[in-house]
Amino acid sequence: MAKHPFKQNKSPKFGKGKLKSALTRYHSETNKKHGLLCKEGAEGKGKTLIKDNYNNNTQSSSATTRPYLNKPFIPFAPSDHLLLVGEGDFSFTQSIVNADYVKPSCTWATSLDSEDDIYKKYPHAKEIIESLRFSGVHVIFKIDATQLVSSFKLSLNVKKHANRNVTMLGTDHIDLIMFNFPHTGKGIKDIARNIIYHQKLIYSFFKSCSDFFNLLDASRLATQKVYHEKTQGTSREPRYAKALAFQSEISKKRIALALFEGEPYDSWQVKRLARESIGYKVERSGRFAWEAFDGYHHRRTNSMKNTTKIAHERNARLYVFEKAVNSDNRDFVGPEKVDIDDE
């Protein structure tokens, strides 16, 4: 499981009470909901009932309860520049490279842990990482999903260091940032506190993605401006002006999250957090098709052990977020396109 401990002293500045006010509006409802869940959990025989949004029925949380006949939902295209955060043993990266879902040279796979720590937790990861590097994947360690700009050591002064960020990262844009099964790794038993900590993690992740996208945009435009000034008046100017217009819209700036279905994950309310933190909405969501990612091993945050229940037997969902129209004031405009399923 992807590990990203929420460190309060290093979290983004939410403003006094800003995050608290965003979360407490439904904290009371969450407590009530989980009070019922705790009561029923002891008698639930290990199964959580999930409401089926498509036929108003309920179903067991076993991923094998019904067949899936359509194409699996893959949230990225081979042409996308993809940044993966929170990788564990890098088996997800390996699976999408082997399946030709992505171009290795356009894929950045990152982990919060150091390279040595990864090998201690997952001894088999060394072979995976060597294979990924050989194929051209950018494998980077000690990248905090909630502090992307500082983790990548990018400069905020794009006027002075116009080309530095592009050189440091190895690209002038990222189309999609993906976080699979985020988890704080704290093991908090109190359900309400556990939910709050994960909401803070997701909120910080969204803010970090927005800052990262914005800085890359500024860096790209600053670099192009320098180039334009050097070539102004030459025969290349008309061609460059056209390229500049294209480059200004090149990045799709989307965010993807994979989460298990059921509680406590439903109570994280990630769609609402995306809307209230950075003005993003769900562009599409679909079943996380385990069978489409052959070789992907979902592990606990701190060891080689599987999670409480084998991952591929659990229902999970992929969400792809994009910026909502006219969302600069963080007010959501228009209905969310959700639950466009592939089932």
C-alpha atoms as a PDB file:
ATOM      1  CA  MET A   1       0.000   0.000   0.000  1.00  0.00           C
ATOM      2  CA  ALA A   2       1.310   3.451  -0.850  1.00  0.00           C
ATOM      3  CA  LYS A   3       2.666   5.117   2.242  1.00  0.00           C
ATOM      4  CA  HIS A   4       2.553   8.827   2.817  1.00  0.00           C
ATOM      5  CA  PRO A   5       2.538   9.780   6.505  1.00  0.00           C
ATOM      6  CA  PHE A   6       0.879  13.101   7.180  1.00  0.00           C
ATOM      7  CA  LYS A   7       3.375  15.287   9.003  1.00  0.00           C
ATOM      8  CA  GLN A   8       1.610  18.224  10.529  1.00  0.00           C
ATOM      9  CA  ASN A   9       4.705  20.418  10.755  1.00  0.00           C
ATOM     10  CA  LYS A  10       5.467  19.959   7.065  1.00  0.00           C
ATOM     11  CA  SER A  11       1.968  20.177   5.655  1.00  0.00           C
ATOM     12  CA  PRO A  12       0.958  23.013   3.313  1.00  0.00           C
ATOM     13  CA  LYS A  13      -0.374  26.174   4.900  1.00  0.00           C
ATOM     14  CA  PHE A  14      -4.093  25.792   4.753  1.00  0.00           C
ATOM     15  CA  GLY A  15      -4.726  29.128   6.440  1.00  0.00           C
ATOM     16  CA  LYS A  16      -6.082  29.289   9.944  1.00  0.00           C
ATOM     17  CA  GLY A  17      -9.050  27.024  10.148  1.00  0.00           C
ATOM     18  CA  LYS A  18      -9.384  26.647   6.365  1.00  0.00           C
ATOM     19  CA  LEU A  19      -8.906  22.911   6.211  1.00  0.00           C
ATOM     20  CA  LYS A  20     -10.697  22.434   9.514  1.00  0.00           C
ATOM     21  CA  SER A  21     -13.765  24.258   8.244  1.00  0.00           C
ATOM     22  CA  ALA A  22     -13.693  22.246   5.023  1.00  0.00           C
ATOM     23  CA  LEU A  23     -13.695  18.980   6.938  1.00  0.00           C
ATOM     24  CA  THR A  24     -15.873  19.669   9.957  1.00  0.00           C
ATOM     25  CA  ARG A  25     -18.925  20.325   7.768  1.00  0.00           C
ATOM     26  CA  TYR A  26     -19.278  16.601   7.342  1.00  0.00           C
ATOM     27  CA  HIS A  27     -17.276  15.335  10.318  1.00  0.00           C
ATOM     28  CA  SER A  28     -20.432  14.967  12.389  1.00  0.00           C
ATOM     29  CA  GLU A  29     -22.101  12.956   9.665  1.00  0.00           C
ATOM     30  CA  THR A  30     -18.998  10.777   9.384  1.00  0.00           C
ATOM     31  CA  ASN A  31     -19.013  10.022  13.113  1.00  0.00           C
ATOM     32  CA  LYS A  32     -22.652   8.954  12.984  1.00  0.00           C
ATOM     33  CA  LYS A  33     -22.033   6.812   9.947  1.00  0.00           C
ATOM     34  CA  HIS A  34     -19.074   5.071  11.501  1.00  0.00           C
ATOM     35  CA  GLY A  35     -20.814   4.614  14.803  1.00  0.00           C
ATOM     36  CA  LEU A  36     -23.289   2.472  12.925  1.00  0.00           C
ATOM     37  CA  LEU A  37     -20.495   0.764  11.004  1.00  0.00           C
ATOM     38  CA  CYS A  38     -18.660  -0.193  14.201  1.00  0.00           C
ATOM     39  CA  LYS A  39     -21.855  -1.592  15.671  1.00  0.00           C
ATOM     40  CA  GLU A  40     -22.625  -3.646  12.609  1.00  0.00           C
ATOM     41  CA  GLY A  41     -19.035  -4.600  11.889  1.00  0.00           C
ATOM     42  CA  ALA A  42     -18.842  -7.144  14.691  1.00  0.00           C
ATOM     43  CA  GLU A  43     -21.783  -8.973  13.181  1.00  0.00           C
ATOM     44  CA  GLY A  44     -20.957  -8.454   9.532  1.00  0.00           C
ATOM     45  CA  LYS A  45     -18.863 -11.608   9.102  1.00  0.00           C
ATOM     46  CA  GLY A  46     -16.036  -9.629   7.506  1.00  0.00           C
ATOM     47  CA  LYS A  47     -18.111  -8.138   4.700  1.00  0.00           C
ATOM     48  CA  THR A  48     -19.130  -4.531   4.160  1.00  0.00           C
ATOM     49  CA  LEU A  49     -22.239  -3.917   2.103  1.00  0.00           C
ATOM     50  CA  ILE A  50     -21.763  -1.342  -0.634  1.00  0.00           C
ATOM     51  CA  LYS A  51     -24.631   0.523  -2.193  1.00  0.00           C
ATOM     52  CA  ASP A  52     -24.812  -0.120  -5.906  1.00  0.00           C
ATOM     53  CA  ASN A  53     -25.352   3.268  -7.550  1.00  0.00           C
ATOM     54  CA  TYR A  54     -26.526   1.682 -10.768  1.00  0.00           C
ATOM     55  CA  ASN A  55     -29.493  -0.392  -9.674  1.00  0.00           C
ATOM     56  CA  ASN A  56     -30.211   0.833  -6.129  1.00  0.00           C
ATOM     57  CA  ASN A  57     -29.328  -2.550  -4.685  1.00  0.00           C
ATOM     58  CA  THR A  58     -26.571  -3.650  -2.334  1.00  0.00           C
ATOM     59  CA  GLN A  59     -23.785  -6.070  -2.986  1.00  0.00           C
ATOM     60  CA  SER A  60     -20.988  -7.819  -1.141  1.00  0.00           C
ATOM     61  CA  SER A  61     -17.556  -6.216  -1.405  1.00  0.00           C
ATOM     62  CA  SER A  62     -16.072  -9.181  -3.236  1.00  0.00           C
ATOM     63  CA  ALA A  63     -14.529  -8.188  -6.550  1.00  0.00           C
ATOM     64  CA  THR A  64     -15.473 -11.533  -8.044  1.00  0.00           C
ATOM     65  CA  THR A  65     -19.241 -11.272  -7.548  1.00  0.00           C
ATOM     66  CA  ARG A  66     -20.017 -10.311 -11.133  1.00  0.00           C
ATOM     67  CA  PRO A  67     -18.317 -10.520 -14.534  1.00  0.00           C
ATOM     68  CA  TYR A  68     -16.804  -7.503 -16.292  1.00  0.00           C
ATOM     69  CA  LEU A  69     -17.160  -7.765 -20.019  1.00  0.00           C
ATOM     70  CA  ASN A  70     -16.042  -4.377 -21.315  1.00  0.00           C
ATOM     71  CA  LYS A  71     -12.582  -2.910 -21.785  1.00  0.00           C
ATOM     72  CA  PRO A  72     -10.869  -2.038 -18.499  1.00  0.00           C
ATOM     73  CA  PHE A  73     -10.597   1.605 -17.555  1.00  0.00           C
ATOM     74  CA  ILE A  74      -7.004   2.765 -18.161  1.00  0.00           C
ATOM     75  CA  PRO A  75      -6.725   6.414 -17.029  1.00  0.00           C
ATOM     76  CA  PHE A  76      -3.772   7.374 -19.215  1.00  0.00           C
ATOM     77  CA  ALA A  77      -2.765   7.186 -22.868  1.00  0.00           C
ATOM     78  CA  PRO A  78       0.606   6.067 -24.285  1.00  0.00           C
ATOM     79  CA  SER A  79       1.281   9.665 -25.301  1.00  0.00           C
ATOM     80  CA  ASP A  80       0.767  11.020 -21.766  1.00  0.00           C
ATOM     81  CA  HIS A  81       3.573  12.232 -19.538  1.00  0.00           C
ATOM     82  CA  LEU A  82       2.745  10.298 -16.371  1.00  0.00           C
ATOM     83  CA  LEU A  83       3.934  10.921 -12.814  1.00  0.00           C
ATOM     84  CA  LEU A  84       3.314   8.075 -10.353  1.00  0.00           C
ATOM     85  CA  VAL A  85       3.629   8.902  -6.656  1.00  0.00           C
ATOM     86  CA  GLY A  86       3.610   6.636  -3.617  1.00  0.00           C
ATOM     87  CA  GLU A  87       4.967   3.578  -5.417  1.00  0.00           C
ATOM     88  CA  GLY A  88       5.810   0.654  -3.132  1.00  0.00           C
ATOM     89  CA  ASP A  89       7.749  -2.135  -4.853  1.00  0.00           C
ATOM     90  CA  PHE A  90       7.258  -0.434  -8.265  1.00  0.00           C
ATOM     91  CA  SER A  91       5.299  -3.426  -9.545  1.00  0.00           C
ATOM     92  CA  PHE A  92       2.496  -1.140 -10.765  1.00  0.00           C
ATOM     93  CA  THR A  93       4.963   0.811 -12.899  1.00  0.00           C
ATOM     94  CA  GLN A  94       6.354  -2.446 -14.215  1.00  0.00           C
ATOM     95  CA  SER A  95       2.882  -3.726 -15.104  1.00  0.00           C
ATOM     96  CA  ILE A  96       1.901  -0.686 -17.174  1.00  0.00           C
ATOM     97  CA  VAL A  97       5.273  -0.602 -18.951  1.00  0.00           C
ATOM     98  CA  ASN A  98       5.085  -4.308 -19.809  1.00  0.00           C
ATOM     99  CA  ALA A  99       1.520  -3.844 -21.086  1.00  0.00           C
ATOM    100  CA  ASP A 100       2.621  -0.924 -23.304  1.00  0.00           C
ATOM    101  CA  TYR A 101       0.102   1.384 -21.649  1.00  0.00           C
ATOM    102  CA  VAL A 102       2.798   4.065 -21.367  1.00  0.00           C
ATOM    103  CA  LYS A 103       6.085   5.084 -22.945  1.00  0.00           C
ATOM    104  CA  PRO A 104       8.883   4.413 -20.444  1.00  0.00           C
ATOM    105  CA  SER A 105      10.683   7.656 -21.308  1.00  0.00           C
ATOM    106  CA  CYS A 106       7.484   9.589 -20.539  1.00  0.00           C
ATOM    107  CA  THR A 107       6.944   7.906 -17.158  1.00  0.00           C
ATOM    108  CA  TRP A 108       8.189   9.154 -13.783  1.00  0.00           C
ATOM    109  CA  ALA A 109       7.832   6.570 -10.985  1.00  0.00           C
ATOM    110  CA  THR A 110       8.476   7.865  -7.468  1.00  0.00           C
ATOM    111  CA  SER A 111       8.478   6.655  -3.878  1.00  0.00           C
ATOM    112  CA  LEU A 112       8.498   8.433  -0.527  1.00  0.00           C
ATOM    113  CA  ASP A 113      11.137   5.989   0.722  1.00  0.00           C
ATOM    114  CA  SER A 114      14.841   6.072  -0.064  1.00  0.00           C
ATOM    115  CA  GLU A 115      16.222   3.488  -2.466  1.00  0.00           C
ATOM    116  CA  ASP A 116      17.876   1.564   0.384  1.00  0.00           C
ATOM    117  CA  ASP A 117      14.643   1.498   2.387  1.00  0.00           C
ATOM    118  CA  ILE A 118      12.746   0.168  -0.617  1.00  0.00           C
ATOM    119  CA  TYR A 119      15.178  -2.732  -0.955  1.00  0.00           C
ATOM    120  CA  LYS A 120      14.893  -3.517   2.763  1.00  0.00           C
ATOM    121  CA  LYS A 121      11.095  -3.606   2.598  1.00  0.00           C
ATOM    122  CA  TYR A 122      10.821  -5.278  -0.794  1.00  0.00           C
ATOM    123  CA  PRO A 123      13.980  -7.256  -1.693  1.00  0.00           C
ATOM    124  CA  HIS A 124      12.543  -8.202  -5.080  1.00  0.00           C
ATOM    125  CA  ALA A 125      12.128  -4.513  -6.001  1.00  0.00           C
ATOM    126  CA  LYS A 126      15.795  -4.209  -6.981  1.00  0.00           C
ATOM    127  CA  GLU A 127      15.275  -6.342 -10.067  1.00  0.00           C
ATOM    128  CA  ILE A 128      12.102  -4.426 -10.957  1.00  0.00           C
ATOM    129  CA  ILE A 129      13.791  -1.037 -10.599  1.00  0.00           C
ATOM    130  CA  GLU A 130      16.817  -2.093 -12.646  1.00  0.00           C
ATOM    131  CA  SER A 131      14.477  -3.273 -15.398  1.00  0.00           C
ATOM    132  CA  LEU A 132      12.506  -0.018 -15.315  1.00  0.00           C
ATOM    133  CA  ARG A 133      15.650   2.090 -15.512  1.00  0.00           C
ATOM    134  CA  PHE A 134      16.945   0.012 -18.408  1.00  0.00           C
ATOM    135  CA  SER A 135      13.684   0.583 -20.288  1.00  0.00           C
ATOM    136  CA  GLY A 136      13.965   4.358 -19.791  1.00  0.00           C
ATOM    137  CA  VAL A 137      11.585   5.004 -16.878  1.00  0.00           C
ATOM    138  CA  HIS A 138      12.601   7.868 -14.584  1.00  0.00           C
ATOM    139  CA  VAL A 139      12.789   6.221 -11.133  1.00  0.00           C
ATOM    140  CA  ILE A 140      13.107   8.749  -8.303  1.00  0.00           C
ATOM    141  CA  PHE A 141      13.125   8.289  -4.534  1.00  0.00           C
ATOM    142  CA  LYS A 142      12.258  10.452  -1.524  1.00  0.00           C
ATOM    143  CA  ILE A 143       9.420  12.236  -3.327  1.00  0.00           C
ATOM    144  CA  ASP A 144       6.624  13.351  -0.997  1.00  0.00           C
ATOM    145  CA  ALA A 145       3.265  13.448  -2.791  1.00  0.00           C
ATOM    146  CA  THR A 146       2.153  16.285  -0.499  1.00  0.00           C
ATOM    147  CA  GLN A 147       5.297  18.344  -1.232  1.00  0.00           C
ATOM    148  CA  LEU A 148       6.054  17.738  -4.911  1.00  0.00           C
ATOM    149  CA  VAL A 149       7.721  21.063  -5.690  1.00  0.00           C
ATOM    150  CA  SER A 150      10.197  20.897  -2.809  1.00  0.00           C
ATOM    151  CA  SER A 151      10.762  17.130  -3.155  1.00  0.00           C
ATOM    152  CA  PHE A 152      11.830  17.563  -6.772  1.00  0.00           C
ATOM    153  CA  LYS A 153      13.961  20.561  -5.667  1.00  0.00           C
ATOM    154  CA  LEU A 154      12.303  22.841  -8.201  1.00  0.00           C
ATOM    155  CA  SER A 155      12.910  26.589  -8.107  1.00  0.00           C
ATOM    156  CA  LEU A 156      10.067  29.021  -7.484  1.00  0.00           C
ATOM    157  CA  ASN A 157      12.072  31.801  -9.157  1.00  0.00           C
ATOM    158  CA  VAL A 158      11.296  30.978 -12.773  1.00  0.00           C
ATOM    159  CA  LYS A 159      12.507  34.367 -14.019  1.00  0.00           C
ATOM    160  CA  LYS A 160      16.012  33.738 -12.711  1.00  0.00           C
ATOM    161  CA  HIS A 161      16.096  30.001 -13.391  1.00  0.00           C
ATOM    162  CA  ALA A 162      13.962  29.800 -16.519  1.00  0.00           C
ATOM    163  CA  ASN A 163      15.298  26.462 -17.722  1.00  0.00           C
ATOM    164  CA  ARG A 164      16.300  24.892 -14.399  1.00  0.00           C
ATOM    165  CA  ASN A 165      13.008  23.221 -13.549  1.00  0.00           C
ATOM    166  CA  VAL A 166      12.593  21.748 -17.018  1.00  0.00           C
ATOM    167  CA  THR A 167      16.150  20.399 -16.865  1.00  0.00           C
ATOM    168  CA  MET A 168      15.777  19.075 -13.304  1.00  0.00           C
ATOM    169  CA  LEU A 169      12.565  17.220 -14.084  1.00  0.00           C
ATOM    170  CA  GLY A 170      13.458  16.199 -17.611  1.00  0.00           C
ATOM    171  CA  THR A 171      10.229  17.520 -19.127  1.00  0.00           C
ATOM    172  CA  ASP A 172       8.298  20.758 -19.445  1.00  0.00           C
ATOM    173  CA  HIS A 173       4.933  19.219 -18.604  1.00  0.00           C
ATOM    174  CA  ILE A 174       3.131  16.377 -16.849  1.00  0.00           C
ATOM    175  CA  ASP A 175      -0.311  15.289 -18.050  1.00  0.00           C
ATOM    176  CA  LEU A 176      -1.395  13.055 -15.179  1.00  0.00           C
ATOM    177  CA  ILE A 177      -0.312  12.566 -11.567  1.00  0.00           C
ATOM    178  CA  MET A 178      -1.491   9.233 -10.168  1.00  0.00           C
ATOM    179  CA  PHE A 179      -1.613   8.059  -6.543  1.00  0.00           C
ATOM    180  CA  ASN A 180      -2.653   4.428  -6.006  1.00  0.00           C
ATOM    181  CA  PHE A 181      -4.282   3.553  -2.688  1.00  0.00           C
ATOM    182  CA  PRO A 182      -2.917   6.421  -0.562  1.00  0.00           C
ATOM    183  CA  HIS A 183      -2.428   5.688   3.112  1.00  0.00           C
ATOM    184  CA  THR A 184      -0.854   7.538   6.023  1.00  0.00           C
ATOM    185  CA  GLY A 185       0.718   4.394   7.434  1.00  0.00           C
ATOM    186  CA  LYS A 186      -0.183   5.479  10.963  1.00  0.00           C
ATOM    187  CA  GLY A 187      -2.463   2.545  11.783  1.00  0.00           C
ATOM    188  CA  ILE A 188      -4.910   4.723  13.726  1.00  0.00           C
ATOM    189  CA  LYS A 189      -7.623   2.533  15.236  1.00  0.00           C
ATOM    190  CA  ASP A 190     -10.114   5.315  15.977  1.00  0.00           C
ATOM    191  CA  ILE A 191     -12.219   5.478  12.817  1.00  0.00           C
ATOM    192  CA  ALA A 192     -13.088   9.184  12.966  1.00  0.00           C
ATOM    193  CA  ARG A 193      -9.458  10.222  13.542  1.00  0.00           C
ATOM    194  CA  ASN A 194      -8.297   7.845  10.826  1.00  0.00           C
ATOM    195  CA  ILE A 195     -10.676   9.456   8.337  1.00  0.00           C
ATOM    196  CA  ILE A 196      -9.578  12.979   9.270  1.00  0.00           C
ATOM    197  CA  TYR A 197      -5.896  12.109   8.822  1.00  0.00           C
ATOM    198  CA  HIS A 198      -6.547  10.615   5.407  1.00  0.00           C
ATOM    199  CA  GLN A 199      -8.646  13.595   4.366  1.00  0.00           C
ATOM    200  CA  LYS A 200      -5.714  15.825   5.302  1.00  0.00           C
ATOM    201  CA  LEU A 201      -3.406  13.609   3.252  1.00  0.00           C
ATOM    202  CA  ILE A 202      -5.652  13.754   0.172  1.00  0.00           C
ATOM    203  CA  TYR A 203      -6.253  17.498   0.604  1.00  0.00           C
ATOM    204  CA  SER A 204      -2.487  18.112   0.809  1.00  0.00           C
ATOM    205  CA  PHE A 205      -1.912  15.893  -2.225  1.00  0.00           C
ATOM    206  CA  PHE A 206      -4.395  17.857  -4.335  1.00  0.00           C
ATOM    207  CA  LYS A 207      -2.833  21.172  -3.287  1.00  0.00           C
ATOM    208  CA  SER A 208       0.626  19.821  -4.045  1.00  0.00           C
ATOM    209  CA  CYS A 209      -0.447  18.710  -7.536  1.00  0.00           C
ATOM    210  CA  SER A 210      -1.914  22.133  -8.270  1.00  0.00           C
ATOM    211  CA  ASP A 211       1.277  23.902  -7.157  1.00  0.00           C
ATOM    212  CA  PHE A 212       3.355  21.490  -9.230  1.00  0.00           C
ATOM    213  CA  PHE A 213       1.270  21.982 -12.386  1.00  0.00           C
ATOM    214  CA  ASN A 214       1.303  25.765 -12.000  1.00  0.00           C
ATOM    215  CA  LEU A 215       5.074  25.897 -11.512  1.00  0.00           C
ATOM    216  CA  LEU A 216       5.679  23.728 -14.566  1.00  0.00           C
ATOM    217  CA  ASP A 217       3.429  26.013 -16.619  1.00  0.00           C
ATOM    218  CA  ALA A 218       5.340  29.078 -15.421  1.00  0.00           C
ATOM    219  CA  SER A 219       8.705  27.410 -16.047  1.00  0.00           C
ATOM    220  CA  ARG A 220       7.736  26.353 -19.557  1.00  0.00           C
ATOM    221  CA  LEU A 221       6.451  29.797 -20.497  1.00  0.00           C
ATOM    222  CA  ALA A 222       9.516  31.494 -18.999  1.00  0.00           C
ATOM    223  CA  THR A 223      11.810  29.226 -20.990  1.00  0.00           C
ATOM    224  CA  GLN A 224       9.862  29.884 -24.165  1.00  0.00           C
ATOM    225  CA  LYS A 225       9.926  33.617 -23.511  1.00  0.00           C
ATOM    226  CA  VAL A 226      13.724  33.603 -23.262  1.00  0.00           C
ATOM    227  CA  TYR A 227      13.940  31.630 -26.483  1.00  0.00           C
ATOM    228  CA  HIS A 228      11.486  33.958 -28.189  1.00  0.00           C
ATOM    229  CA  GLU A 229      13.473  37.035 -27.153  1.00  0.00           C
ATOM    230  CA  LYS A 230      16.664  35.503 -28.530  1.00  0.00           C
ATOM    231  CA  THR A 231      15.065  34.608 -31.857  1.00  0.00           C
ATOM    232  CA  GLN A 232      12.800  37.656 -32.230  1.00  0.00           C
ATOM    233  CA  GLY A 233      12.967  39.132 -35.682  1.00  0.00           C
ATOM    234  CA  THR A 234      14.290  35.963 -37.287  1.00  0.00           C
ATOM    235  CA  SER A 235      12.523  33.808 -39.827  1.00  0.00           C
ATOM    236  CA  ARG A 236      11.653  31.353 -37.054  1.00  0.00           C
ATOM    237  CA  GLU A 237       9.403  33.814 -35.222  1.00  0.00           C
ATOM    238  CA  PRO A 238       6.066  32.946 -36.917  1.00  0.00           C
ATOM    239  CA  ARG A 239       6.668  29.248 -36.397  1.00  0.00           C
ATOM    240  CA  TYR A 240       7.612  29.850 -32.768  1.00  0.00           C
ATOM    241  CA  ALA A 241       4.518  31.978 -32.087  1.00  0.00           C
ATOM    242  CA  LYS A 242       2.368  29.092 -33.295  1.00  0.00           C
ATOM    243  CA  ALA A 243       4.334  26.614 -31.174  1.00  0.00           C
ATOM    244  CA  LEU A 244       3.987  28.855 -28.119  1.00  0.00           C
ATOM    245  CA  ALA A 245       0.199  28.899 -28.453  1.00  0.00           C
ATOM    246  CA  PHE A 246       0.175  25.113 -28.678  1.00  0.00           C
ATOM    247  CA  GLN A 247       2.568  24.639 -25.758  1.00  0.00           C
ATOM    248  CA  SER A 248       0.462  26.850 -23.487  1.00  0.00           C
ATOM    249  CA  GLU A 249      -2.283  24.212 -23.594  1.00  0.00           C
ATOM    250  CA  ILE A 250      -0.128  21.102 -23.884  1.00  0.00           C
ATOM    251  CA  SER A 251      -0.504  19.794 -20.327  1.00  0.00           C
ATOM    252  CA  LYS A 252      -3.791  18.114 -19.467  1.00  0.00           C
ATOM    253  CA  LYS A 253      -3.120  18.642 -15.737  1.00  0.00           C
ATOM    254  CA  ARG A 254      -5.219  15.733 -14.515  1.00  0.00           C
ATOM    255  CA  ILE A 255      -5.039  13.842 -11.222  1.00  0.00           C
ATOM    256  CA  ALA A 256      -5.896  10.167 -10.669  1.00  0.00           C
ATOM    257  CA  LEU A 257      -6.643   8.336  -7.429  1.00  0.00           C
ATOM    258  CA  ALA A 258      -7.230   4.628  -6.852  1.00  0.00           C
ATOM    259  CA  LEU A 259      -9.209   3.746  -3.726  1.00  0.00           C
ATOM    260  CA  PHE A 260     -10.850   0.666  -2.298  1.00  0.00           C
ATOM    261  CA  GLU A 261     -14.631   0.779  -2.156  1.00  0.00           C
ATOM    262  CA  GLY A 262     -16.594   0.724   1.072  1.00  0.00           C
ATOM    263  CA  GLU A 263     -15.679   2.134   4.443  1.00  0.00           C
ATOM    264  CA  PRO A 264     -13.685   3.965   5.612  1.00  0.00           C
ATOM    265  CA  TYR A 265     -12.637   4.991   2.086  1.00  0.00           C
ATOM    266  CA  ASP A 266     -16.051   6.287   1.026  1.00  0.00           C
ATOM    267  CA  SER A 267     -16.019   8.664   3.992  1.00  0.00           C
ATOM    268  CA  TRP A 268     -12.807  10.293   2.792  1.00  0.00           C
ATOM    269  CA  GLN A 269     -15.087  12.077   0.285  1.00  0.00           C
ATOM    270  CA  VAL A 270     -12.308  12.628  -2.235  1.00  0.00           C
ATOM    271  CA  LYS A 271     -14.573  14.272  -4.810  1.00  0.00           C
ATOM    272  CA  ARG A 272     -15.527  16.949  -2.327  1.00  0.00           C
ATOM    273  CA  LEU A 273     -11.920  17.445  -1.218  1.00  0.00           C
ATOM    274  CA  ALA A 274     -10.815  17.919  -4.841  1.00  0.00           C
ATOM    275  CA  ARG A 275     -13.530  20.486  -5.414  1.00  0.00           C
ATOM    276  CA  GLU A 276     -12.907  22.465  -2.229  1.00  0.00           C
ATOM    277  CA  SER A 277      -9.100  22.360  -2.322  1.00  0.00           C
ATOM    278  CA  ILE A 278      -8.218  23.161  -5.950  1.00  0.00           C
ATOM    279  CA  GLY A 279     -11.489  23.467  -7.869  1.00  0.00           C
ATOM    280  CA  TYR A 280     -11.238  20.062  -9.559  1.00  0.00           C
ATOM    281  CA  LYS A 281     -14.116  17.770 -10.497  1.00  0.00           C
ATOM    282  CA  VAL A 282     -14.351  14.117 -11.479  1.00  0.00           C
ATOM    283  CA  GLU A 283     -13.915  13.794 -15.219  1.00  0.00           C
ATOM    284  CA  ARG A 284     -14.409  10.051 -15.127  1.00  0.00           C
ATOM    285  CA  SER A 285     -14.418   7.138 -12.715  1.00  0.00           C
ATOM    286  CA  GLY A 286     -14.432   3.407 -13.231  1.00  0.00           C
ATOM    287  CA  ARG A 287     -13.678   0.042 -11.711  1.00  0.00           C
ATOM    288  CA  PHE A 288     -10.025  -0.575 -10.885  1.00  0.00           C
ATOM    289  CA  ALA A 289      -9.427  -3.585 -13.125  1.00  0.00           C
ATOM    290  CA  TRP A 290      -6.855  -5.677 -11.276  1.00  0.00           C
ATOM    291  CA  GLU A 291      -6.665  -8.073 -14.213  1.00  0.00           C
ATOM    292  CA  ALA A 292      -5.459  -5.230 -16.466  1.00  0.00           C
ATOM    293  CA  PHE A 293      -2.342  -4.686 -14.349  1.00  0.00           C
ATOM    294  CA  ASP A 294      -0.674  -8.071 -14.477  1.00  0.00           C
ATOM    295  CA  GLY A 295       2.088  -8.451 -11.904  1.00  0.00           C
ATOM    296  CA  TYR A 296       0.954  -5.549  -9.728  1.00  0.00           C
ATOM    297  CA  HIS A 297       1.322  -6.515  -6.061  1.00  0.00           C
ATOM    298  CA  HIS A 298      -0.516  -4.332  -3.604  1.00  0.00           C
ATOM    299  CA  ARG A 299       1.316  -4.577  -0.265  1.00  0.00           C
ATOM    300  CA  ARG A 300       1.120  -3.120   3.203  1.00  0.00           C
ATOM    301  CA  THR A 301       3.006   0.117   3.698  1.00  0.00           C
ATOM    302  CA  ASN A 302       5.711  -1.418   5.852  1.00  0.00           C
ATOM    303  CA  SER A 303       6.308  -4.954   4.636  1.00  0.00           C
ATOM    304  CA  MET A 304       5.958  -7.625   1.983  1.00  0.00           C
ATOM    305  CA  LYS A 305       2.724  -8.866   3.528  1.00  0.00           C
ATOM    306  CA  ASN A 306      -0.541  -8.552   1.658  1.00  0.00           C
ATOM    307  CA  THR A 307      -3.245  -6.335   3.086  1.00  0.00           C
ATOM    308  CA  THR A 308      -5.914  -7.789   5.400  1.00  0.00           C
ATOM    309  CA  LYS A 309      -7.729  -9.167   2.378  1.00  0.00           C
ATOM    310  CA  ILE A 310      -6.015 -10.099  -0.888  1.00  0.00           C
ATOM    311  CA  ALA A 311      -6.093  -6.949  -3.011  1.00  0.00           C
ATOM    312  CA  HIS A 312      -7.458  -8.425  -6.223  1.00  0.00           C
ATOM    313  CA  GLU A 313     -10.433  -9.808  -4.298  1.00  0.00           C
ATOM    314  CA  ARG A 314     -11.434  -6.308  -3.186  1.00  0.00           C
ATOM    315  CA  ASN A 315     -13.512  -3.854  -5.169  1.00  0.00           C
ATOM    316  CA  ALA A 316     -11.598  -0.705  -5.960  1.00  0.00           C
ATOM    317  CA  ARG A 317     -12.239   2.368  -8.062  1.00  0.00           C
ATOM    318  CA  LEU A 318     -10.230   4.777 -10.189  1.00  0.00           C
ATOM    319  CA  TYR A 319     -11.061   8.486 -10.198  1.00  0.00           C
ATOM    320  CA  VAL A 320      -9.684  10.940 -12.738  1.00  0.00           C
ATOM    321  CA  PHE A 321      -9.999  14.605 -11.797  1.00  0.00           C
ATOM    322  CA  GLU A 322      -9.718  17.666 -13.993  1.00  0.00           C
ATOM    323  CA  LYS A 323     -10.106  21.375 -13.405  1.00  0.00           C
ATOM    324  CA  ALA A 324     -13.721  22.504 -13.325  1.00  0.00           C
ATOM    325  CA  VAL A 325     -14.685  25.333 -15.680  1.00  0.00           C
ATOM    326  CA  ASN A 326     -14.545  28.765 -14.021  1.00  0.00           C
ATOM    327  CA  SER A 327     -13.170  27.256 -10.810  1.00  0.00           C
ATOM    328  CA  ASP A 328     -10.587  29.931  -9.977  1.00  0.00           C
ATOM    329  CA  ASN A 329     -12.730  30.978  -7.025  1.00  0.00           C
ATOM    330  CA  ARG A 330     -12.945  27.326  -5.915  1.00  0.00           C
ATOM    331  CA  ASP A 331     -16.729  27.389  -6.430  1.00  0.00           C
ATOM    332  CA  PHE A 332     -17.815  24.314  -8.288  1.00  0.00           C
ATOM    333  CA  VAL A 333     -19.579  24.976 -11.570  1.00  0.00           C
ATOM    334  CA  GLY A 334     -21.728  22.391 -13.299  1.00  0.00           C
ATOM    335  CA  PRO A 335     -22.490  18.754 -12.508  1.00  0.00           C
ATOM    336  CA  GLU A 336     -19.741  16.232 -11.872  1.00  0.00           C
ATOM    337  CA  LYS A 337     -19.311  13.540 -14.530  1.00  0.00           C
ATOM    338  CA  VAL A 338     -19.077  10.601 -12.200  1.00  0.00           C
ATOM    339  CA  ASP A 339     -19.558   6.886 -12.336  1.00  0.00           C
ATOM    340  CA  ILE A 340     -19.071   6.530 -16.070  1.00  0.00           C
ATOM    341  CA  ASP A 341     -18.414   2.878 -15.547  1.00  0.00           C
ATOM    342  CA  ASP A 342     -16.879   0.180 -17.677  1.00  0.00           C
ATOM    343  CA  GLU A 343     -18.897  -2.600 -16.147  1.00  0.00           C
END
